[in-house]
Amino acid sequence: MEDYVIFVDGGADISADIREKYHIHGVPMEYLLGGVSGTFSPGDPDLVGLCARFYDALRAGADISTSQITPFTFESCFEPELKAGRNVLYCCFSSGMSSTWQNVQATAAELSEKYPNQKLCCVDSRTAAGGEGVFVLQAALNREAGMSIEENAAWLNSHSKYVCTWFTVGDLDFLKRGGRISPTLAFLGGKLQIKPLLIIGEDGSLVVTQKARGQKAAMQTLLKSYLANLDFGDAARIVFTTYSGNLEAGQELTEMVRAASPADISISLVPLSPIIGAHTGPDMLCISHFGKHR
């Protein structure tokens, strides 16, 4: 089996156990919460506690902003591996939601010229959060199955369009600030308890597809979308459920998915990273998996 290092950025949701078991390396991303800077790397050892404190601060009204990954950060992560003679496969946060992809392409071009005997393969996941987590876990499983770095990158590129990410949010103001929904929908949603159901489309951007009234109805709609597109193809039979600061709701959604799924499907509950949570806010719920289509 060819040995190469797999990286993923802070836009992905994976547990500390998965990161350690599959030797996944993190590219940190920065955020500013209440005027205090923070750094998040996927699979943080204090993931659950960190996310709980983060969403408590958001509920208390703390201001939040995030920054894209700079070429310097990419270089700091990748160059030591290349210099040591190791190849690198990087799974990137969706190009449809960030300029991170453009930054890593520029960095990769420079490093490939500097280290011509090493391989640096970057793949646009066109997804984020639990979807990006499923994506990088699949990359690690492909490596374990014996895929070369080129074979793995090609497989991931051809299968990114099958990563399904179904989610809903609790506070529409966060999506309004990011321009994802209109101010009118945000106002009416708050008054009428309307929950938009969103997906990450094939171009990697957010799309509002349906609306439900109340969290219970929204969770049922998420489950129906998951079941209607349940076809893993040649991908692993893994599902991530994701929550932001609402563990009980996350556990409830996970049990709903588990009860409706075939017994051989592996289902993991993971907190939503601060990087994505900055744009969705608390009380986001999500189901991610490889499926029929987005």
C-alpha atoms as a PDB file:
ATOM      1  CA  MET A   1       0.000   0.000   0.000  1.00  0.00           C
ATOM      2  CA  GLU A   2       1.328   3.429  -0.952  1.00  0.00           C
ATOM      3  CA  ASP A   3       1.862   5.622   2.090  1.00  0.00           C
ATOM      4  CA  TYR A   4       0.720   9.249   1.910  1.00  0.00           C
ATOM      5  CA  VAL A   5      -0.580  11.830   4.346  1.00  0.00           C
ATOM      6  CA  ILE A   6      -4.241  12.922   4.241  1.00  0.00           C
ATOM      7  CA  PHE A   7      -5.182  16.458   5.309  1.00  0.00           C
ATOM      8  CA  VAL A   8      -8.579  18.091   5.812  1.00  0.00           C
ATOM      9  CA  ASP A   9      -9.407  21.622   6.972  1.00  0.00           C
ATOM     10  CA  GLY A  10     -11.457  23.006   9.834  1.00  0.00           C
ATOM     11  CA  GLY A  11     -14.578  23.130   7.675  1.00  0.00           C
ATOM     12  CA  ALA A  12     -14.952  19.366   8.184  1.00  0.00           C
ATOM     13  CA  ASP A  13     -16.651  17.591  11.070  1.00  0.00           C
ATOM     14  CA  ILE A  14     -14.887  14.446  12.270  1.00  0.00           C
ATOM     15  CA  SER A  15     -14.494  13.071  15.762  1.00  0.00           C
ATOM     16  CA  ALA A  16     -11.171  12.935  17.575  1.00  0.00           C
ATOM     17  CA  ASP A  17     -11.410   9.119  17.482  1.00  0.00           C
ATOM     18  CA  ILE A  18     -11.778   9.048  13.695  1.00  0.00           C
ATOM     19  CA  ARG A  19      -8.939  11.524  13.196  1.00  0.00           C
ATOM     20  CA  GLU A  20      -6.623   9.430  15.391  1.00  0.00           C
ATOM     21  CA  LYS A  21      -7.682   6.010  14.068  1.00  0.00           C
ATOM     22  CA  TYR A  22      -7.250   6.935  10.402  1.00  0.00           C
ATOM     23  CA  HIS A  23      -4.273   9.261  10.845  1.00  0.00           C
ATOM     24  CA  ILE A  24      -6.011  12.289   9.341  1.00  0.00           C
ATOM     25  CA  HIS A  25      -4.099  15.567   9.628  1.00  0.00           C
ATOM     26  CA  GLY A  26      -5.799  18.928  10.140  1.00  0.00           C
ATOM     27  CA  VAL A  27      -5.354  22.294   8.449  1.00  0.00           C
ATOM     28  CA  PRO A  28      -6.451  24.867  11.056  1.00  0.00           C
ATOM     29  CA  MET A  29      -8.931  27.635  10.340  1.00  0.00           C
ATOM     30  CA  GLU A  30      -9.294  30.875  12.299  1.00  0.00           C
ATOM     31  CA  TYR A  31     -12.346  32.593  13.746  1.00  0.00           C
ATOM     32  CA  LEU A  32     -13.021  35.684  15.844  1.00  0.00           C
ATOM     33  CA  LEU A  33     -15.561  35.220  18.656  1.00  0.00           C
ATOM     34  CA  GLY A  34     -16.497  38.222  20.774  1.00  0.00           C
ATOM     35  CA  GLY A  35     -13.292  39.968  19.780  1.00  0.00           C
ATOM     36  CA  VAL A  36     -11.114  36.998  20.800  1.00  0.00           C
ATOM     37  CA  SER A  37      -9.302  35.025  18.081  1.00  0.00           C
ATOM     38  CA  GLY A  38      -9.521  31.246  18.009  1.00  0.00           C
ATOM     39  CA  THR A  39      -8.199  28.424  15.848  1.00  0.00           C
ATOM     40  CA  PHE A  40     -10.031  25.234  14.992  1.00  0.00           C
ATOM     41  CA  SER A  41      -8.609  22.025  13.572  1.00  0.00           C
ATOM     42  CA  PRO A  42     -10.885  19.050  12.731  1.00  0.00           C
ATOM     43  CA  GLY A  43     -10.979  16.276  15.293  1.00  0.00           C
ATOM     44  CA  ASP A  44      -9.834  18.563  18.119  1.00  0.00           C
ATOM     45  CA  PRO A  45      -9.276  16.445  21.287  1.00  0.00           C
ATOM     46  CA  ASP A  46     -11.642  18.801  23.185  1.00  0.00           C
ATOM     47  CA  LEU A  47     -14.143  18.884  20.317  1.00  0.00           C
ATOM     48  CA  VAL A  48     -17.341  18.402  22.344  1.00  0.00           C
ATOM     49  CA  GLY A  49     -16.391  20.879  25.067  1.00  0.00           C
ATOM     50  CA  LEU A  50     -15.031  23.450  22.624  1.00  0.00           C
ATOM     51  CA  CYS A  51     -18.203  23.379  20.526  1.00  0.00           C
ATOM     52  CA  ALA A  52     -20.457  23.568  23.595  1.00  0.00           C
ATOM     53  CA  ARG A  53     -18.654  26.704  24.808  1.00  0.00           C
ATOM     54  CA  PHE A  54     -18.715  28.185  21.311  1.00  0.00           C
ATOM     55  CA  TYR A  55     -22.483  27.826  20.854  1.00  0.00           C
ATOM     56  CA  ASP A  56     -23.186  29.051  24.386  1.00  0.00           C
ATOM     57  CA  ALA A  57     -21.293  32.230  23.429  1.00  0.00           C
ATOM     58  CA  LEU A  58     -23.300  32.616  20.216  1.00  0.00           C
ATOM     59  CA  ARG A  59     -26.563  32.254  22.152  1.00  0.00           C
ATOM     60  CA  ALA A  60     -25.345  34.971  24.501  1.00  0.00           C
ATOM     61  CA  GLY A  61     -24.974  37.312  21.515  1.00  0.00           C
ATOM     62  CA  ALA A  62     -21.227  37.200  20.856  1.00  0.00           C
ATOM     63  CA  ASP A  63     -20.125  38.509  17.466  1.00  0.00           C
ATOM     64  CA  ILE A  64     -18.514  35.927  15.184  1.00  0.00           C
ATOM     65  CA  SER A  65     -16.498  35.983  11.983  1.00  0.00           C
ATOM     66  CA  THR A  66     -14.230  33.516  10.171  1.00  0.00           C
ATOM     67  CA  SER A  67     -11.185  33.765   7.899  1.00  0.00           C
ATOM     68  CA  GLN A  68     -10.211  31.720   4.870  1.00  0.00           C
ATOM     69  CA  ILE A  69      -7.037  29.666   5.037  1.00  0.00           C
ATOM     70  CA  THR A  70      -4.005  31.606   3.866  1.00  0.00           C
ATOM     71  CA  PRO A  71      -1.304  30.244   1.541  1.00  0.00           C
ATOM     72  CA  PHE A  72       1.126  30.588   4.461  1.00  0.00           C
ATOM     73  CA  THR A  73      -0.956  28.202   6.596  1.00  0.00           C
ATOM     74  CA  PHE A  74      -1.142  25.651   3.785  1.00  0.00           C
ATOM     75  CA  GLU A  75       2.595  25.890   3.243  1.00  0.00           C
ATOM     76  CA  SER A  76       3.238  25.443   6.977  1.00  0.00           C
ATOM     77  CA  CYS A  77       1.144  22.243   6.976  1.00  0.00           C
ATOM     78  CA  PHE A  78       2.240  20.645   3.702  1.00  0.00           C
ATOM     79  CA  GLU A  79       5.904  21.573   3.298  1.00  0.00           C
ATOM     80  CA  PRO A  80       7.261  19.583   6.282  1.00  0.00           C
ATOM     81  CA  GLU A  81       5.643  16.440   4.863  1.00  0.00           C
ATOM     82  CA  LEU A  82       6.934  17.013   1.343  1.00  0.00           C
ATOM     83  CA  LYS A  83      10.394  17.905   2.631  1.00  0.00           C
ATOM     84  CA  ALA A  84      10.453  14.611   4.573  1.00  0.00           C
ATOM     85  CA  GLY A  85       9.671  12.697   1.374  1.00  0.00           C
ATOM     86  CA  ARG A  86       5.984  12.075   2.049  1.00  0.00           C
ATOM     87  CA  ASN A  87       3.175  12.679  -0.449  1.00  0.00           C
ATOM     88  CA  VAL A  88       0.083  14.706   0.510  1.00  0.00           C
ATOM     89  CA  LEU A  89      -3.628  14.380  -0.332  1.00  0.00           C
ATOM     90  CA  TYR A  90      -5.760  17.321   0.784  1.00  0.00           C
ATOM     91  CA  CYS A  91      -9.577  17.321   0.948  1.00  0.00           C
ATOM     92  CA  CYS A  92     -10.735  20.937   0.713  1.00  0.00           C
ATOM     93  CA  PHE A  93     -13.719  22.898   2.015  1.00  0.00           C
ATOM     94  CA  SER A  94     -16.197  23.628  -0.795  1.00  0.00           C
ATOM     95  CA  SER A  95     -15.043  26.087  -3.454  1.00  0.00           C
ATOM     96  CA  GLY A  96     -18.673  27.216  -3.661  1.00  0.00           C
ATOM     97  CA  MET A  97     -18.535  28.724  -0.171  1.00  0.00           C
ATOM     98  CA  SER A  98     -14.966  29.942   0.268  1.00  0.00           C
ATOM     99  CA  SER A  99     -11.828  31.136  -1.512  1.00  0.00           C
ATOM    100  CA  THR A 100      -9.861  28.458   0.329  1.00  0.00           C
ATOM    101  CA  TRP A 101      -9.767  26.345  -2.845  1.00  0.00           C
ATOM    102  CA  GLN A 102      -8.144  29.127  -4.849  1.00  0.00           C
ATOM    103  CA  ASN A 103      -5.556  29.667  -2.105  1.00  0.00           C
ATOM    104  CA  VAL A 104      -4.569  26.016  -1.914  1.00  0.00           C
ATOM    105  CA  GLN A 105      -4.247  25.728  -5.680  1.00  0.00           C
ATOM    106  CA  ALA A 106      -1.753  28.614  -5.689  1.00  0.00           C
ATOM    107  CA  THR A 107       0.166  27.057  -2.812  1.00  0.00           C
ATOM    108  CA  ALA A 108       0.155  23.615  -4.433  1.00  0.00           C
ATOM    109  CA  ALA A 109       1.610  25.027  -7.652  1.00  0.00           C
ATOM    110  CA  GLU A 110       4.505  26.600  -5.757  1.00  0.00           C
ATOM    111  CA  LEU A 111       5.213  23.555  -3.610  1.00  0.00           C
ATOM    112  CA  SER A 112       5.001  21.159  -6.566  1.00  0.00           C
ATOM    113  CA  GLU A 113       7.653  23.202  -8.325  1.00  0.00           C
ATOM    114  CA  LYS A 114       9.809  23.249  -5.204  1.00  0.00           C
ATOM    115  CA  TYR A 115       9.418  19.490  -4.563  1.00  0.00           C
ATOM    116  CA  PRO A 116       9.099  17.942  -8.033  1.00  0.00           C
ATOM    117  CA  ASN A 117       9.696  14.397  -6.775  1.00  0.00           C
ATOM    118  CA  GLN A 118       6.759  14.508  -4.362  1.00  0.00           C
ATOM    119  CA  LYS A 119       3.016  14.403  -5.023  1.00  0.00           C
ATOM    120  CA  LEU A 120       0.584  17.006  -3.687  1.00  0.00           C
ATOM    121  CA  CYS A 121      -3.001  16.240  -4.731  1.00  0.00           C
ATOM    122  CA  CYS A 122      -5.812  18.641  -3.757  1.00  0.00           C
ATOM    123  CA  VAL A 123      -9.478  17.690  -4.118  1.00  0.00           C
ATOM    124  CA  ASP A 124     -12.437  20.086  -3.912  1.00  0.00           C
ATOM    125  CA  SER A 125     -14.996  18.250  -1.767  1.00  0.00           C
ATOM    126  CA  ARG A 126     -17.733  20.708  -2.836  1.00  0.00           C
ATOM    127  CA  THR A 127     -19.200  20.192   0.613  1.00  0.00           C
ATOM    128  CA  ALA A 128     -18.580  21.059   4.260  1.00  0.00           C
ATOM    129  CA  ALA A 129     -19.374  20.038   7.844  1.00  0.00           C
ATOM    130  CA  GLY A 130     -20.502  16.404   8.111  1.00  0.00           C
ATOM    131  CA  GLY A 131     -20.378  16.038   4.341  1.00  0.00           C
ATOM    132  CA  GLU A 132     -16.709  16.973   4.303  1.00  0.00           C
ATOM    133  CA  GLY A 133     -16.199  14.639   7.251  1.00  0.00           C
ATOM    134  CA  VAL A 134     -17.723  11.709   5.354  1.00  0.00           C
ATOM    135  CA  PHE A 135     -15.640  12.715   2.335  1.00  0.00           C
ATOM    136  CA  VAL A 136     -12.277  12.650   4.146  1.00  0.00           C
ATOM    137  CA  LEU A 137     -13.132   9.464   6.034  1.00  0.00           C
ATOM    138  CA  GLN A 138     -13.820   7.841   2.650  1.00  0.00           C
ATOM    139  CA  ALA A 139     -10.414   9.094   1.479  1.00  0.00           C
ATOM    140  CA  ALA A 140      -8.808   7.368   4.461  1.00  0.00           C
ATOM    141  CA  LEU A 141     -10.717   4.153   3.780  1.00  0.00           C
ATOM    142  CA  ASN A 142      -9.651   4.279   0.123  1.00  0.00           C
ATOM    143  CA  ARG A 143      -6.045   4.569   1.274  1.00  0.00           C
ATOM    144  CA  GLU A 144      -6.498   1.554   3.565  1.00  0.00           C
ATOM    145  CA  ALA A 145      -7.957  -0.394   0.627  1.00  0.00           C
ATOM    146  CA  GLY A 146      -4.705   0.179  -1.283  1.00  0.00           C
ATOM    147  CA  MET A 147      -5.554   3.083  -3.591  1.00  0.00           C
ATOM    148  CA  SER A 148      -2.583   5.135  -4.711  1.00  0.00           C
ATOM    149  CA  ILE A 149      -2.741   8.876  -4.102  1.00  0.00           C
ATOM    150  CA  GLU A 150      -3.648   9.501  -7.762  1.00  0.00           C
ATOM    151  CA  GLU A 151      -6.328   6.791  -7.727  1.00  0.00           C
ATOM    152  CA  ASN A 152      -7.779   8.162  -4.515  1.00  0.00           C
ATOM    153  CA  ALA A 153      -7.871  11.748  -5.805  1.00  0.00           C
ATOM    154  CA  ALA A 154      -9.540  10.599  -9.024  1.00  0.00           C
ATOM    155  CA  TRP A 155     -12.130   8.562  -7.098  1.00  0.00           C
ATOM    156  CA  LEU A 156     -12.913  11.485  -4.799  1.00  0.00           C
ATOM    157  CA  ASN A 157     -13.228  13.920  -7.707  1.00  0.00           C
ATOM    158  CA  SER A 158     -15.643  11.654  -9.543  1.00  0.00           C
ATOM    159  CA  HIS A 159     -17.719  10.903  -6.436  1.00  0.00           C
ATOM    160  CA  SER A 160     -17.947  14.353  -4.842  1.00  0.00           C
ATOM    161  CA  LYS A 161     -21.262  14.927  -6.615  1.00  0.00           C
ATOM    162  CA  TYR A 162     -22.767  12.059  -4.622  1.00  0.00           C
ATOM    163  CA  VAL A 163     -22.117  13.535  -1.167  1.00  0.00           C
ATOM    164  CA  CYS A 164     -25.536  14.427   0.261  1.00  0.00           C
ATOM    165  CA  THR A 165     -25.774  17.023   3.031  1.00  0.00           C
ATOM    166  CA  TRP A 166     -29.290  17.697   4.332  1.00  0.00           C
ATOM    167  CA  PHE A 167     -29.650  20.279   7.084  1.00  0.00           C
ATOM    168  CA  THR A 168     -31.834  22.781   8.876  1.00  0.00           C
ATOM    169  CA  VAL A 169     -31.020  25.661  11.224  1.00  0.00           C
ATOM    170  CA  GLY A 170     -32.510  27.123  14.375  1.00  0.00           C
ATOM    171  CA  ASP A 171     -31.919  30.863  13.901  1.00  0.00           C
ATOM    172  CA  LEU A 172     -32.448  32.239  10.416  1.00  0.00           C
ATOM    173  CA  ASP A 173     -30.583  35.465  11.235  1.00  0.00           C
ATOM    174  CA  PHE A 174     -27.236  33.712  10.791  1.00  0.00           C
ATOM    175  CA  LEU A 175     -28.120  32.643   7.241  1.00  0.00           C
ATOM    176  CA  LYS A 176     -29.541  36.097   6.527  1.00  0.00           C
ATOM    177  CA  ARG A 177     -26.246  37.742   7.517  1.00  0.00           C
ATOM    178  CA  GLY A 178     -24.416  35.520   5.065  1.00  0.00           C
ATOM    179  CA  GLY A 179     -26.880  36.318   2.271  1.00  0.00           C
ATOM    180  CA  ARG A 180     -28.124  32.718   2.096  1.00  0.00           C
ATOM    181  CA  ILE A 181     -31.782  33.629   2.615  1.00  0.00           C
ATOM    182  CA  SER A 182     -33.771  36.832   2.202  1.00  0.00           C
ATOM    183  CA  PRO A 183     -34.501  39.183   5.128  1.00  0.00           C
ATOM    184  CA  THR A 184     -38.226  38.579   4.531  1.00  0.00           C
ATOM    185  CA  LEU A 185     -37.879  34.812   4.927  1.00  0.00           C
ATOM    186  CA  ALA A 186     -35.752  35.314   8.031  1.00  0.00           C
ATOM    187  CA  PHE A 187     -38.386  37.613   9.583  1.00  0.00           C
ATOM    188  CA  LEU A 188     -41.332  35.373   8.742  1.00  0.00           C
ATOM    189  CA  GLY A 189     -39.432  32.283   9.767  1.00  0.00           C
ATOM    190  CA  GLY A 190     -38.735  33.721  13.170  1.00  0.00           C
ATOM    191  CA  LYS A 191     -42.377  34.701  13.674  1.00  0.00           C
ATOM    192  CA  LEU A 192     -43.908  31.489  12.305  1.00  0.00           C
ATOM    193  CA  GLN A 193     -41.207  29.006  13.368  1.00  0.00           C
ATOM    194  CA  ILE A 194     -40.519  28.124   9.732  1.00  0.00           C
ATOM    195  CA  LYS A 195     -37.375  26.039   9.310  1.00  0.00           C
ATOM    196  CA  PRO A 196     -35.744  26.095   5.870  1.00  0.00           C
ATOM    197  CA  LEU A 197     -34.340  22.786   4.644  1.00  0.00           C
ATOM    198  CA  LEU A 198     -31.044  23.296   2.831  1.00  0.00           C
ATOM    199  CA  ILE A 199     -28.620  21.236   0.802  1.00  0.00           C
ATOM    200  CA  ILE A 200     -25.145  21.803  -0.557  1.00  0.00           C
ATOM    201  CA  GLY A 201     -25.669  21.763  -4.317  1.00  0.00           C
ATOM    202  CA  GLU A 202     -23.446  20.184  -6.968  1.00  0.00           C
ATOM    203  CA  ASP A 203     -21.497  23.441  -7.334  1.00  0.00           C
ATOM    204  CA  GLY A 204     -20.793  23.445  -3.611  1.00  0.00           C
ATOM    205  CA  SER A 205     -23.078  26.346  -2.708  1.00  0.00           C
ATOM    206  CA  LEU A 206     -26.054  26.394  -0.314  1.00  0.00           C
ATOM    207  CA  VAL A 207     -29.560  25.913  -1.719  1.00  0.00           C
ATOM    208  CA  VAL A 208     -32.890  26.224   0.132  1.00  0.00           C
ATOM    209  CA  THR A 209     -35.074  23.340  -1.057  1.00  0.00           C
ATOM    210  CA  GLN A 210     -38.035  23.054   1.316  1.00  0.00           C
ATOM    211  CA  LYS A 211     -39.553  24.615   4.408  1.00  0.00           C
ATOM    212  CA  ALA A 212     -41.060  22.999   7.500  1.00  0.00           C
ATOM    213  CA  ARG A 213     -42.824  24.478  10.512  1.00  0.00           C
ATOM    214  CA  GLY A 214     -41.090  23.559  13.748  1.00  0.00           C
ATOM    215  CA  GLN A 215     -38.072  21.431  14.584  1.00  0.00           C
ATOM    216  CA  LYS A 216     -39.920  18.094  14.696  1.00  0.00           C
ATOM    217  CA  ALA A 217     -41.296  18.575  11.182  1.00  0.00           C
ATOM    218  CA  ALA A 218     -37.869  19.687   9.967  1.00  0.00           C
ATOM    219  CA  MET A 219     -36.256  16.546  11.393  1.00  0.00           C
ATOM    220  CA  GLN A 220     -38.816  14.341   9.673  1.00  0.00           C
ATOM    221  CA  THR A 221     -38.141  16.105   6.379  1.00  0.00           C
ATOM    222  CA  LEU A 222     -34.393  15.577   6.804  1.00  0.00           C
ATOM    223  CA  LEU A 223     -35.029  11.886   7.418  1.00  0.00           C
ATOM    224  CA  LYS A 224     -37.244  11.573   4.333  1.00  0.00           C
ATOM    225  CA  SER A 225     -34.585  13.234   2.154  1.00  0.00           C
ATOM    226  CA  TYR A 226     -31.951  10.853   3.532  1.00  0.00           C
ATOM    227  CA  LEU A 227     -34.055   7.746   2.916  1.00  0.00           C
ATOM    228  CA  ALA A 228     -35.090   8.860  -0.574  1.00  0.00           C
ATOM    229  CA  ASN A 229     -31.423   9.144  -1.606  1.00  0.00           C
ATOM    230  CA  LEU A 230     -30.013   6.168   0.269  1.00  0.00           C
ATOM    231  CA  ASP A 231     -27.666   4.533  -2.238  1.00  0.00           C
ATOM    232  CA  PHE A 232     -23.996   4.334  -1.253  1.00  0.00           C
ATOM    233  CA  GLY A 233     -22.842   2.803  -4.531  1.00  0.00           C
ATOM    234  CA  ASP A 234     -19.185   1.836  -4.109  1.00  0.00           C
ATOM    235  CA  ALA A 235     -18.704   4.215  -1.152  1.00  0.00           C
ATOM    236  CA  ALA A 236     -18.595   3.100   2.473  1.00  0.00           C
ATOM    237  CA  ARG A 237     -21.918   2.691   4.241  1.00  0.00           C
ATOM    238  CA  ILE A 238     -21.324   5.525   6.679  1.00  0.00           C
ATOM    239  CA  VAL A 239     -23.594   8.359   7.824  1.00  0.00           C
ATOM    240  CA  PHE A 240     -22.730  11.409   9.911  1.00  0.00           C
ATOM    241  CA  THR A 241     -25.362  13.271  11.901  1.00  0.00           C
ATOM    242  CA  THR A 242     -24.279  16.737  13.036  1.00  0.00           C
ATOM    243  CA  TYR A 243     -25.562  19.179  15.646  1.00  0.00           C
ATOM    244  CA  SER A 244     -24.618  22.648  16.866  1.00  0.00           C
ATOM    245  CA  GLY A 245     -24.981  23.158  20.601  1.00  0.00           C
ATOM    246  CA  ASN A 246     -28.126  21.016  20.920  1.00  0.00           C
ATOM    247  CA  LEU A 247     -26.911  17.549  21.898  1.00  0.00           C
ATOM    248  CA  GLU A 248     -30.352  16.183  22.789  1.00  0.00           C
ATOM    249  CA  ALA A 249     -31.762  17.093  19.366  1.00  0.00           C
ATOM    250  CA  GLY A 250     -28.662  15.610  17.723  1.00  0.00           C
ATOM    251  CA  GLN A 251     -29.130  12.383  19.637  1.00  0.00           C
ATOM    252  CA  GLU A 252     -32.814  12.293  18.720  1.00  0.00           C
ATOM    253  CA  LEU A 253     -32.044  12.762  15.024  1.00  0.00           C
ATOM    254  CA  THR A 254     -29.356  10.081  15.213  1.00  0.00           C
ATOM    255  CA  GLU A 255     -31.787   7.581  16.722  1.00  0.00           C
ATOM    256  CA  MET A 256     -34.344   8.408  14.022  1.00  0.00           C
ATOM    257  CA  VAL A 257     -31.740   7.724  11.334  1.00  0.00           C
ATOM    258  CA  ARG A 258     -30.557   4.542  13.047  1.00  0.00           C
ATOM    259  CA  ALA A 259     -34.096   3.191  13.423  1.00  0.00           C
ATOM    260  CA  ALA A 260     -34.857   3.803   9.733  1.00  0.00           C
ATOM    261  CA  SER A 261     -31.527   2.504   8.359  1.00  0.00           C
ATOM    262  CA  PRO A 262     -30.343  -1.009   7.481  1.00  0.00           C
ATOM    263  CA  ALA A 263     -28.344  -2.564  10.307  1.00  0.00           C
ATOM    264  CA  ASP A 264     -25.036  -2.548   8.408  1.00  0.00           C
ATOM    265  CA  ILE A 265     -24.857   1.254   8.150  1.00  0.00           C
ATOM    266  CA  SER A 266     -22.429   2.978  10.531  1.00  0.00           C
ATOM    267  CA  ILE A 267     -23.904   6.164  12.026  1.00  0.00           C
ATOM    268  CA  SER A 268     -21.783   8.730  13.910  1.00  0.00           C
ATOM    269  CA  LEU A 269     -22.928  11.834  15.794  1.00  0.00           C
ATOM    270  CA  VAL A 270     -20.447  14.722  15.538  1.00  0.00           C
ATOM    271  CA  PRO A 271     -20.595  18.359  16.773  1.00  0.00           C
ATOM    272  CA  LEU A 272     -20.652  21.056  14.110  1.00  0.00           C
ATOM    273  CA  SER A 273     -17.347  22.917  13.876  1.00  0.00           C
ATOM    274  CA  PRO A 274     -17.145  26.597  14.872  1.00  0.00           C
ATOM    275  CA  ILE A 275     -16.072  27.405  11.303  1.00  0.00           C
ATOM    276  CA  ILE A 276     -19.394  26.309   9.798  1.00  0.00           C
ATOM    277  CA  GLY A 277     -21.360  27.071  12.958  1.00  0.00           C
ATOM    278  CA  ALA A 278     -20.426  30.728  12.619  1.00  0.00           C
ATOM    279  CA  HIS A 279     -22.679  30.842   9.541  1.00  0.00           C
ATOM    280  CA  THR A 280     -25.511  28.531  10.670  1.00  0.00           C
ATOM    281  CA  GLY A 281     -25.712  29.409  14.363  1.00  0.00           C
ATOM    282  CA  PRO A 282     -26.891  27.146  17.193  1.00  0.00           C
ATOM    283  CA  ASP A 283     -29.538  24.426  16.746  1.00  0.00           C
ATOM    284  CA  MET A 284     -28.427  23.299  13.307  1.00  0.00           C
ATOM    285  CA  LEU A 285     -29.120  19.628  12.493  1.00  0.00           C
ATOM    286  CA  CYS A 286     -27.661  17.717   9.557  1.00  0.00           C
ATOM    287  CA  ILE A 287     -27.479  14.286   7.913  1.00  0.00           C
ATOM    288  CA  SER A 288     -24.535  13.566   5.561  1.00  0.00           C
ATOM    289  CA  HIS A 289     -23.753  10.507   3.421  1.00  0.00           C
ATOM    290  CA  PHE A 290     -22.868   9.309  -0.063  1.00  0.00           C
ATOM    291  CA  GLY A 291     -26.162   8.912  -1.941  1.00  0.00           C
ATOM    292  CA  LYS A 292     -27.916   8.873  -5.308  1.00  0.00           C
ATOM    293  CA  HIS A 293     -27.342  12.559  -5.983  1.00  0.00           C
ATOM    294  CA  ARG A 294     -27.283  15.856  -4.151  1.00  0.00           C
END
